[in-house]
Amino acid sequence: MYVGALELDILLGDVHSLKQKRSLVRPVLAEVRKRFAVSVAEAGHTDLHRRTLIGVAVVAEGGEHVRDVLDSCERYVASRPEFELLSARRRLLGPED
């Protein structure tokens, strides 16, 4: 069994309130969850209206599949025009860890 985690630090575009932030972030979280069958949540910067930290987690039998899914999630979020991806960090745990 392999477990992968992805942490995406994002700068939001023209956002002036936490309410606007939620209206941008929630649909993206729902789409990532639906499209890639992963667990995803806003995991940081919850009190800042122009920043967000999105966490993605996936469990699979093979490490390569976990990496492919996390790559796809990162590409999808980075392609959103209202988001500027500042950094992406990932962790992979396998049977030998």
PDB file of N, CA and C in Angstrom:
ATOM      1  N   MET A   1       0.839  -1.177   0.000  1.00  0.00           N
ATOM      2  CA  MET A   1       0.000   0.000   0.000  1.00  0.00           C
ATOM      3  C   MET A   1       0.881   1.236   0.000  1.00  0.00           C
ATOM      4  N   TYR A   2       0.508   2.223  -0.790  1.00  0.00           N
ATOM      5  CA  TYR A   2       1.211   3.500  -0.875  1.00  0.00           C
ATOM      6  C   TYR A   2       0.249   4.626  -0.536  1.00  0.00           C
ATOM      7  N   VAL A   3       0.752   5.602   0.187  1.00  0.00           N
ATOM      8  CA  VAL A   3      -0.024   6.782   0.554  1.00  0.00           C
ATOM      9  C   VAL A   3       0.733   8.001   0.042  1.00  0.00           C
ATOM     10  N   GLY A   4       0.035   8.862  -0.682  1.00  0.00           N
ATOM     11  CA  GLY A   4       0.644  10.076  -1.205  1.00  0.00           C
ATOM     12  C   GLY A   4      -0.082  11.299  -0.700  1.00  0.00           C
ATOM     13  N   ALA A   5       0.684  12.344  -0.423  1.00  0.00           N
ATOM     14  CA  ALA A   5       0.111  13.613   0.017  1.00  0.00           C
ATOM     15  C   ALA A   5       0.711  14.732  -0.821  1.00  0.00           C
ATOM     16  N   LEU A   6      -0.119  15.679  -1.182  1.00  0.00           N
ATOM     17  CA  LEU A   6       0.285  16.822  -1.983  1.00  0.00           C
ATOM     18  C   LEU A   6      -0.195  18.083  -1.277  1.00  0.00           C
ATOM     19  N   GLU A   7       0.698  19.055  -1.159  1.00  0.00           N
ATOM     20  CA  GLU A   7       0.373  20.322  -0.505  1.00  0.00           C
ATOM     21  C   GLU A   7       0.607  21.435  -1.520  1.00  0.00           C
ATOM     22  N   LEU A   8      -0.449  22.171  -1.855  1.00  0.00           N
ATOM     23  CA  LEU A   8      -0.382  23.217  -2.866  1.00  0.00           C
ATOM     24  C   LEU A   8      -0.597  24.581  -2.211  1.00  0.00           C
ATOM     25  N   ASP A   9       0.404  25.432  -2.275  1.00  0.00           N
ATOM     26  CA  ASP A   9       0.319  26.790  -1.741  1.00  0.00           C
ATOM     27  C   ASP A   9      -0.079  27.700  -2.894  1.00  0.00           C
ATOM     28  N   ILE A  10      -1.196  28.402  -2.731  1.00  0.00           N
ATOM     29  CA  ILE A  10      -1.804  29.118  -3.856  1.00  0.00           C
ATOM     30  C   ILE A  10      -2.074  30.568  -3.484  1.00  0.00           C
ATOM     31  N   LEU A  11      -1.785  31.449  -4.446  1.00  0.00           N
ATOM     32  CA  LEU A  11      -2.155  32.858  -4.348  1.00  0.00           C
ATOM     33  C   LEU A  11      -3.385  33.056  -5.223  1.00  0.00           C
ATOM     34  N   LEU A  12      -4.409  33.663  -4.654  1.00  0.00           N
ATOM     35  CA  LEU A  12      -5.650  33.891  -5.387  1.00  0.00           C
ATOM     36  C   LEU A  12      -5.611  35.255  -6.059  1.00  0.00           C
ATOM     37  N   GLY A  13      -6.327  35.390  -7.139  1.00  0.00           N
ATOM     38  CA  GLY A  13      -6.360  36.631  -7.915  1.00  0.00           C
ATOM     39  C   GLY A  13      -7.096  37.749  -7.204  1.00  0.00           C
ATOM     40  N   ASP A  14      -8.038  38.343  -7.866  1.00  0.00           N
ATOM     41  CA  ASP A  14      -8.764  39.527  -7.394  1.00  0.00           C
ATOM     42  C   ASP A  14      -9.817  39.132  -6.363  1.00  0.00           C
ATOM     43  N   VAL A  15      -9.373  38.870  -5.140  1.00  0.00           N
ATOM     44  CA  VAL A  15     -10.255  38.450  -4.054  1.00  0.00           C
ATOM     45  C   VAL A  15     -10.141  39.459  -2.920  1.00  0.00           C
ATOM     46  N   HIS A  16     -11.283  39.906  -2.414  1.00  0.00           N
ATOM     47  CA  HIS A  16     -11.278  40.954  -1.392  1.00  0.00           C
ATOM     48  C   HIS A  16     -11.931  40.542  -0.082  1.00  0.00           C
ATOM     49  N   SER A  17     -12.386  39.298   0.008  1.00  0.00           N
ATOM     50  CA  SER A  17     -13.021  38.853   1.254  1.00  0.00           C
ATOM     51  C   SER A  17     -12.895  37.333   1.369  1.00  0.00           C
ATOM     52  N   LEU A  18     -13.105  36.846   2.575  1.00  0.00           N
ATOM     53  CA  LEU A  18     -13.095  35.396   2.786  1.00  0.00           C
ATOM     54  C   LEU A  18     -14.270  34.726   2.070  1.00  0.00           C
ATOM     55  N   LYS A  19     -15.365  35.444   1.960  1.00  0.00           N
ATOM     56  CA  LYS A  19     -16.530  34.902   1.254  1.00  0.00           C
ATOM     57  C   LYS A  19     -16.209  34.696  -0.231  1.00  0.00           C
ATOM     58  N   GLN A  20     -15.552  35.652  -0.854  1.00  0.00           N
ATOM     59  CA  GLN A  20     -15.135  35.496  -2.249  1.00  0.00           C
ATOM     60  C   GLN A  20     -14.150  34.343  -2.391  1.00  0.00           C
ATOM     61  N   LYS A  21     -13.233  34.245  -1.428  1.00  0.00           N
ATOM     62  CA  LYS A  21     -12.252  33.163  -1.446  1.00  0.00           C
ATOM     63  C   LYS A  21     -12.957  31.811  -1.448  1.00  0.00           C
ATOM     64  N   ARG A  22     -13.916  31.638  -0.525  1.00  0.00           N
ATOM     65  CA  ARG A  22     -14.655  30.374  -0.444  1.00  0.00           C
ATOM     66  C   ARG A  22     -15.382  30.075  -1.747  1.00  0.00           C
ATOM     67  N   SER A  23     -15.921  31.104  -2.383  1.00  0.00           N
ATOM     68  CA  SER A  23     -16.669  30.876  -3.629  1.00  0.00           C
ATOM     69  C   SER A  23     -15.746  30.432  -4.766  1.00  0.00           C
ATOM     70  N   LEU A  24     -14.454  30.707  -4.675  1.00  0.00           N
ATOM     71  CA  LEU A  24     -13.496  30.221  -5.668  1.00  0.00           C
ATOM     72  C   LEU A  24     -12.932  28.850  -5.310  1.00  0.00           C
ATOM     73  N   VAL A  25     -12.639  28.642  -4.029  1.00  0.00           N
ATOM     74  CA  VAL A  25     -11.926  27.436  -3.602  1.00  0.00           C
ATOM     75  C   VAL A  25     -12.851  26.225  -3.531  1.00  0.00           C
ATOM     76  N   ARG A  26     -14.036  26.374  -2.985  1.00  0.00           N
ATOM     77  CA  ARG A  26     -14.931  25.215  -2.801  1.00  0.00           C
ATOM     78  C   ARG A  26     -15.246  24.461  -4.087  1.00  0.00           C
ATOM     79  N   PRO A  27     -15.594  25.141  -5.180  1.00  0.00           N
ATOM     80  CA  PRO A  27     -15.871  24.383  -6.411  1.00  0.00           C
ATOM     81  C   PRO A  27     -14.645  23.626  -6.936  1.00  0.00           C
ATOM     82  N   VAL A  28     -13.462  24.184  -6.763  1.00  0.00           N
ATOM     83  CA  VAL A  28     -12.250  23.503  -7.211  1.00  0.00           C
ATOM     84  C   VAL A  28     -12.002  22.260  -6.363  1.00  0.00           C
ATOM     85  N   LEU A  29     -12.196  22.373  -5.057  1.00  0.00           N
ATOM     86  CA  LEU A  29     -12.042  21.206  -4.186  1.00  0.00           C
ATOM     87  C   LEU A  29     -13.018  20.108  -4.587  1.00  0.00           C
ATOM     88  N   ALA A  30     -14.253  20.477  -4.842  1.00  0.00           N
ATOM     89  CA  ALA A  30     -15.266  19.494  -5.237  1.00  0.00           C
ATOM     90  C   ALA A  30     -14.907  18.827  -6.568  1.00  0.00           C
ATOM     91  N   GLU A  31     -14.402  19.606  -7.513  1.00  0.00           N
ATOM     92  CA  GLU A  31     -14.044  19.047  -8.817  1.00  0.00           C
ATOM     93  C   GLU A  31     -12.835  18.120  -8.716  1.00  0.00           C
ATOM     94  N   VAL A  32     -11.835  18.490  -7.924  1.00  0.00           N
ATOM     95  CA  VAL A  32     -10.666  17.616  -7.738  1.00  0.00           C
ATOM     96  C   VAL A  32     -11.101  16.307  -7.095  1.00  0.00           C
ATOM     97  N   ARG A  33     -11.951  16.393  -6.080  1.00  0.00           N
ATOM     98  CA  ARG A  33     -12.454  15.195  -5.392  1.00  0.00           C
ATOM     99  C   ARG A  33     -13.190  14.288  -6.372  1.00  0.00           C
ATOM    100  N   LYS A  34     -14.041  14.874  -7.186  1.00  0.00           N
ATOM    101  CA  LYS A  34     -14.855  14.107  -8.133  1.00  0.00           C
ATOM    102  C   LYS A  34     -14.020  13.532  -9.281  1.00  0.00           C
ATOM    103  N   ARG A  35     -13.168  14.353  -9.852  1.00  0.00           N
ATOM    104  CA  ARG A  35     -12.415  13.972 -11.042  1.00  0.00           C
ATOM    105  C   ARG A  35     -11.326  12.938 -10.763  1.00  0.00           C
ATOM    106  N   PHE A  36     -10.674  13.031  -9.591  1.00  0.00           N
ATOM    107  CA  PHE A  36      -9.509  12.189  -9.329  1.00  0.00           C
ATOM    108  C   PHE A  36      -9.706  11.178  -8.196  1.00  0.00           C
ATOM    109  N   ALA A  37     -10.880  11.148  -7.573  1.00  0.00           N
ATOM    110  CA  ALA A  37     -11.187  10.203  -6.489  1.00  0.00           C
ATOM    111  C   ALA A  37     -10.142  10.273  -5.375  1.00  0.00           C
ATOM    112  N   VAL A  38      -9.910  11.477  -4.869  1.00  0.00           N
ATOM    113  CA  VAL A  38      -8.942  11.713  -3.799  1.00  0.00           C
ATOM    114  C   VAL A  38      -9.639  12.426  -2.645  1.00  0.00           C
ATOM    115  N   SER A  39      -8.957  12.482  -1.522  1.00  0.00           N
ATOM    116  CA  SER A  39      -9.396  13.332  -0.421  1.00  0.00           C
ATOM    117  C   SER A  39      -8.718  14.676  -0.595  1.00  0.00           C
ATOM    118  N   VAL A  40      -9.467  15.753  -0.451  1.00  0.00           N
ATOM    119  CA  VAL A  40      -8.914  17.087  -0.665  1.00  0.00           C
ATOM    120  C   VAL A  40      -9.593  18.067   0.282  1.00  0.00           C
ATOM    121  N   ALA A  41      -8.816  19.037   0.782  1.00  0.00           N
ATOM    122  CA  ALA A  41      -9.366  20.023   1.709  1.00  0.00           C
ATOM    123  C   ALA A  41      -8.506  21.277   1.699  1.00  0.00           C
ATOM    124  N   GLU A  42      -9.120  22.377   2.112  1.00  0.00           N
ATOM    125  CA  GLU A  42      -8.335  23.578   2.383  1.00  0.00           C
ATOM    126  C   GLU A  42      -7.663  23.338   3.724  1.00  0.00           C
ATOM    127  N   ALA A  43      -6.340  23.324   3.730  1.00  0.00           N
ATOM    128  CA  ALA A  43      -5.597  22.877   4.913  1.00  0.00           C
ATOM    129  C   ALA A  43      -4.751  23.972   5.555  1.00  0.00           C
ATOM    130  N   GLY A  44      -4.853  25.187   5.075  1.00  0.00           N
ATOM    131  CA  GLY A  44      -4.062  26.252   5.670  1.00  0.00           C
ATOM    132  C   GLY A  44      -4.402  27.600   5.075  1.00  0.00           C
ATOM    133  N   HIS A  45      -3.874  28.647   5.702  1.00  0.00           N
ATOM    134  CA  HIS A  45      -4.127  30.039   5.307  1.00  0.00           C
ATOM    135  C   HIS A  45      -5.627  30.350   5.311  1.00  0.00           C
ATOM    136  N   THR A  46      -6.365  29.744   6.214  1.00  0.00           N
ATOM    137  CA  THR A  46      -7.820  29.914   6.216  1.00  0.00           C
ATOM    138  C   THR A  46      -8.255  31.317   6.624  1.00  0.00           C
ATOM    139  N   ASP A  47      -7.375  32.058   7.288  1.00  0.00           N
ATOM    140  CA  ASP A  47      -7.738  33.412   7.723  1.00  0.00           C
ATOM    141  C   ASP A  47      -7.252  34.497   6.756  1.00  0.00           C
ATOM    142  N   LEU A  48      -6.579  34.113   5.679  1.00  0.00           N
ATOM    143  CA  LEU A  48      -6.102  35.062   4.674  1.00  0.00           C
ATOM    144  C   LEU A  48      -7.002  34.987   3.444  1.00  0.00           C
ATOM    145  N   HIS A  49      -7.393  36.139   2.911  1.00  0.00           N
ATOM    146  CA  HIS A  49      -8.338  36.094   1.790  1.00  0.00           C
ATOM    147  C   HIS A  49      -7.675  35.937   0.428  1.00  0.00           C
ATOM    148  N   ARG A  50      -6.367  36.120   0.300  1.00  0.00           N
ATOM    149  CA  ARG A  50      -5.728  35.950  -1.004  1.00  0.00           C
ATOM    150  C   ARG A  50      -4.808  34.739  -1.076  1.00  0.00           C
ATOM    151  N   ARG A  51      -4.749  33.943  -0.023  1.00  0.00           N
ATOM    152  CA  ARG A  51      -3.894  32.743  -0.015  1.00  0.00           C
ATOM    153  C   ARG A  51      -4.719  31.547   0.431  1.00  0.00           C
ATOM    154  N   THR A  52      -4.326  30.384  -0.059  1.00  0.00           N
ATOM    155  CA  THR A  52      -4.916  29.145   0.418  1.00  0.00           C
ATOM    156  C   THR A  52      -3.883  28.033   0.310  1.00  0.00           C
ATOM    157  N   LEU A  53      -4.044  27.059   1.146  1.00  0.00           N
ATOM    158  CA  LEU A  53      -3.201  25.867   1.116  1.00  0.00           C
ATOM    159  C   LEU A  53      -4.148  24.687   0.931  1.00  0.00           C
ATOM    160  N   ILE A  54      -3.993  23.989  -0.176  1.00  0.00           N
ATOM    161  CA  ILE A  54      -4.858  22.855  -0.482  1.00  0.00           C
ATOM    162  C   ILE A  54      -4.064  21.578  -0.257  1.00  0.00           C
ATOM    163  N   GLY A  55      -4.669  20.657   0.485  1.00  0.00           N
ATOM    164  CA  GLY A  55      -4.054  19.359   0.734  1.00  0.00           C
ATOM    165  C   GLY A  55      -4.809  18.266   0.001  1.00  0.00           C
ATOM    166  N   VAL A  56      -4.058  17.373  -0.646  1.00  0.00           N
ATOM    167  CA  VAL A  56      -4.634  16.255  -1.398  1.00  0.00           C
ATOM    168  C   VAL A  56      -3.989  14.979  -0.879  1.00  0.00           C
ATOM    169  N   ALA A  57      -4.797  13.937  -0.673  1.00  0.00           N
ATOM    170  CA  ALA A  57      -4.268  12.644  -0.235  1.00  0.00           C
ATOM    171  C   ALA A  57      -4.882  11.534  -1.071  1.00  0.00           C
ATOM    172  N   VAL A  58      -4.041  10.518  -1.339  1.00  0.00           N
ATOM    173  CA  VAL A  58      -4.500   9.379  -2.130  1.00  0.00           C
ATOM    174  C   VAL A  58      -3.825   8.110  -1.603  1.00  0.00           C
ATOM    175  N   VAL A  59      -4.565   7.013  -1.645  1.00  0.00           N
ATOM    176  CA  VAL A  59      -4.054   5.701  -1.241  1.00  0.00           C
ATOM    177  C   VAL A  59      -4.260   4.759  -2.422  1.00  0.00           C
ATOM    178  N   ALA A  60      -3.207   3.972  -2.741  1.00  0.00           N
ATOM    179  CA  ALA A  60      -3.316   3.018  -3.850  1.00  0.00           C
ATOM    180  C   ALA A  60      -2.347   1.868  -3.638  1.00  0.00           C
ATOM    181  N   GLU A  61      -2.501   0.872  -4.452  1.00  0.00           N
ATOM    182  CA  GLU A  61      -1.645  -0.312  -4.361  1.00  0.00           C
ATOM    183  C   GLU A  61      -0.231  -0.038  -4.862  1.00  0.00           C
ATOM    184  N   GLY A  62      -0.118   0.827  -5.880  1.00  0.00           N
ATOM    185  CA  GLY A  62       1.194   1.070  -6.482  1.00  0.00           C
ATOM    186  C   GLY A  62       1.656   2.509  -6.345  1.00  0.00           C
ATOM    187  N   GLY A  63       2.945   2.689  -6.132  1.00  0.00           N
ATOM    188  CA  GLY A  63       3.512   4.020  -5.991  1.00  0.00           C
ATOM    189  C   GLY A  63       3.418   4.847  -7.255  1.00  0.00           C
ATOM    190  N   GLU A  64       3.563   4.205  -8.407  1.00  0.00           N
ATOM    191  CA  GLU A  64       3.484   4.929  -9.674  1.00  0.00           C
ATOM    192  C   GLU A  64       2.098   5.518  -9.885  1.00  0.00           C
ATOM    193  N   HIS A  65       1.076   4.768  -9.529  1.00  0.00           N
ATOM    194  CA  HIS A  65      -0.293   5.274  -9.653  1.00  0.00           C
ATOM    195  C   HIS A  65      -0.503   6.473  -8.734  1.00  0.00           C
ATOM    196  N   VAL A  66      -0.003   6.399  -7.517  1.00  0.00           N
ATOM    197  CA  VAL A  66      -0.123   7.523  -6.577  1.00  0.00           C
ATOM    198  C   VAL A  66       0.545   8.763  -7.168  1.00  0.00           C
ATOM    199  N   ARG A  67       1.753   8.615  -7.717  1.00  0.00           N
ATOM    200  CA  ARG A  67       2.453   9.749  -8.324  1.00  0.00           C
ATOM    201  C   ARG A  67       1.673  10.321  -9.511  1.00  0.00           C
ATOM    202  N   ASP A  68       1.110   9.453 -10.342  1.00  0.00           N
ATOM    203  CA  ASP A  68       0.336   9.918 -11.501  1.00  0.00           C
ATOM    204  C   ASP A  68      -0.890  10.720 -11.072  1.00  0.00           C
ATOM    205  N   VAL A  69      -1.593  10.241 -10.047  1.00  0.00           N
ATOM    206  CA  VAL A  69      -2.785  10.940  -9.567  1.00  0.00           C
ATOM    207  C   VAL A  69      -2.403  12.299  -8.986  1.00  0.00           C
ATOM    208  N   LEU A  70      -1.353  12.341  -8.180  1.00  0.00           N
ATOM    209  CA  LEU A  70      -0.928  13.619  -7.593  1.00  0.00           C
ATOM    210  C   LEU A  70      -0.457  14.594  -8.677  1.00  0.00           C
ATOM    211  N   ASP A  71       0.240  14.085  -9.694  1.00  0.00           N
ATOM    212  CA  ASP A  71       0.649  14.937 -10.823  1.00  0.00           C
ATOM    213  C   ASP A  71      -0.578  15.534 -11.519  1.00  0.00           C
ATOM    214  N   SER A  72      -1.585  14.716 -11.739  1.00  0.00           N
ATOM    215  CA  SER A  72      -2.810  15.185 -12.403  1.00  0.00           C
ATOM    216  C   SER A  72      -3.523  16.239 -11.576  1.00  0.00           C
ATOM    217  N   CYS A  73      -3.596  16.027 -10.283  1.00  0.00           N
ATOM    218  CA  CYS A  73      -4.227  17.007  -9.390  1.00  0.00           C
ATOM    219  C   CYS A  73      -3.472  18.331  -9.430  1.00  0.00           C
ATOM    220  N   GLU A  74      -2.156  18.261  -9.359  1.00  0.00           N
ATOM    221  CA  GLU A  74      -1.344  19.483  -9.402  1.00  0.00           C
ATOM    222  C   GLU A  74      -1.539  20.232 -10.718  1.00  0.00           C
ATOM    223  N   ARG A  75      -1.517  19.519 -11.836  1.00  0.00           N
ATOM    224  CA  ARG A  75      -1.715  20.157 -13.142  1.00  0.00           C
ATOM    225  C   ARG A  75      -3.091  20.817 -13.240  1.00  0.00           C
ATOM    226  N   TYR A  76      -4.117  20.128 -12.729  1.00  0.00           N
ATOM    227  CA  TYR A  76      -5.468  20.683 -12.791  1.00  0.00           C
ATOM    228  C   TYR A  76      -5.564  21.986 -12.002  1.00  0.00           C
ATOM    229  N   VAL A  77      -5.077  21.984 -10.772  1.00  0.00           N
ATOM    230  CA  VAL A  77      -5.159  23.183  -9.932  1.00  0.00           C
ATOM    231  C   VAL A  77      -4.310  24.307 -10.534  1.00  0.00           C
ATOM    232  N   ALA A  78      -3.117  23.986 -11.021  1.00  0.00           N
ATOM    233  CA  ALA A  78      -2.238  24.999 -11.614  1.00  0.00           C
ATOM    234  C   ALA A  78      -2.826  25.611 -12.881  1.00  0.00           C
ATOM    235  N   SER A  79      -3.692  24.873 -13.570  1.00  0.00           N
ATOM    236  CA  SER A  79      -4.280  25.370 -14.817  1.00  0.00           C
ATOM    237  C   SER A  79      -5.426  26.348 -14.586  1.00  0.00           C
ATOM    238  N   ARG A  80      -5.889  26.460 -13.365  1.00  0.00           N
ATOM    239  CA  ARG A  80      -6.998  27.373 -13.066  1.00  0.00           C
ATOM    240  C   ARG A  80      -6.526  28.820 -13.204  1.00  0.00           C
ATOM    241  N   PRO A  81      -7.203  29.635 -14.005  1.00  0.00           N
ATOM    242  CA  PRO A  81      -6.726  31.005 -14.246  1.00  0.00           C
ATOM    243  C   PRO A  81      -6.787  31.908 -13.008  1.00  0.00           C
ATOM    244  N   GLU A  82      -7.669  31.607 -12.066  1.00  0.00           N
ATOM    245  CA  GLU A  82      -7.789  32.451 -10.875  1.00  0.00           C
ATOM    246  C   GLU A  82      -6.772  32.090  -9.792  1.00  0.00           C
ATOM    247  N   PHE A  83      -5.998  31.029 -10.007  1.00  0.00           N
ATOM    248  CA  PHE A  83      -5.000  30.573  -9.040  1.00  0.00           C
ATOM    249  C   PHE A  83      -3.591  30.781  -9.592  1.00  0.00           C
ATOM    250  N   GLU A  84      -2.679  31.181  -8.714  1.00  0.00           N
ATOM    251  CA  GLU A  84      -1.255  31.179  -9.039  1.00  0.00           C
ATOM    252  C   GLU A  84      -0.583  30.207  -8.077  1.00  0.00           C
ATOM    253  N   LEU A  85      -0.075  29.120  -8.594  1.00  0.00           N
ATOM    254  CA  LEU A  85       0.561  28.100  -7.776  1.00  0.00           C
ATOM    255  C   LEU A  85       1.936  28.592  -7.336  1.00  0.00           C
ATOM    256  N   LEU A  86       2.102  28.813  -6.030  1.00  0.00           N
ATOM    257  CA  LEU A  86       3.371  29.305  -5.492  1.00  0.00           C
ATOM    258  C   LEU A  86       4.345  28.168  -5.229  1.00  0.00           C
ATOM    259  N   SER A  87       3.837  27.057  -4.693  1.00  0.00           N
ATOM    260  CA  SER A  87       4.702  25.900  -4.444  1.00  0.00           C
ATOM    261  C   SER A  87       3.860  24.642  -4.325  1.00  0.00           C
ATOM    262  N   ALA A  88       4.519  23.526  -4.565  1.00  0.00           N
ATOM    263  CA  ALA A  88       3.883  22.214  -4.435  1.00  0.00           C
ATOM    264  C   ALA A  88       4.872  21.294  -3.733  1.00  0.00           C
ATOM    265  N   ARG A  89       4.411  20.665  -2.672  1.00  0.00           N
ATOM    266  CA  ARG A  89       5.245  19.689  -1.954  1.00  0.00           C
ATOM    267  C   ARG A  89       4.496  18.378  -1.904  1.00  0.00           C
ATOM    268  N   ARG A  90       5.225  17.296  -2.026  1.00  0.00           N
ATOM    269  CA  ARG A  90       4.576  15.986  -1.980  1.00  0.00           C
ATOM    270  C   ARG A  90       5.366  15.036  -1.113  1.00  0.00           C
ATOM    271  N   ARG A  91       4.628  14.065  -0.582  1.00  0.00           N
ATOM    272  CA  ARG A  91       5.219  13.004   0.224  1.00  0.00           C
ATOM    273  C   ARG A  91       4.625  11.676  -0.246  1.00  0.00           C
ATOM    274  N   LEU A  92       5.456  10.648  -0.249  1.00  0.00           N
ATOM    275  CA  LEU A  92       5.010   9.317  -0.641  1.00  0.00           C
ATOM    276  C   LEU A  92       5.520   8.334   0.397  1.00  0.00           C
ATOM    277  N   LEU A  93       4.597   7.586   0.974  1.00  0.00           N
ATOM    278  CA  LEU A  93       4.945   6.545   1.939  1.00  0.00           C
ATOM    279  C   LEU A  93       4.594   5.205   1.334  1.00  0.00           C
ATOM    280  N   GLY A  94       5.533   4.259   1.442  1.00  0.00           N
ATOM    281  CA  GLY A  94       5.312   2.929   0.902  1.00  0.00           C
ATOM    282  C   GLY A  94       5.504   1.865   1.956  1.00  0.00           C
ATOM    283  N   PRO A  95       5.458   0.609   1.561  1.00  0.00           N
ATOM    284  CA  PRO A  95       5.552  -0.496   2.516  1.00  0.00           C
ATOM    285  C   PRO A  95       6.873  -0.527   3.259  1.00  0.00           C
ATOM    286  N   GLU A  96       7.923   0.026   2.684  1.00  0.00           N
ATOM    287  CA  GLU A  96       9.223   0.002   3.344  1.00  0.00           C
ATOM    288  C   GLU A  96       9.422   1.150   4.328  1.00  0.00           C
ATOM    289  N   ASP A  97       8.481   2.078   4.395  1.00  0.00           N
ATOM    290  CA  ASP A  97       8.613   3.227   5.309  1.00  0.00           C
ATOM    291  C   ASP A  97       8.167   2.922   6.715  1.00  0.00           C
TER     292      ASP A  97
END
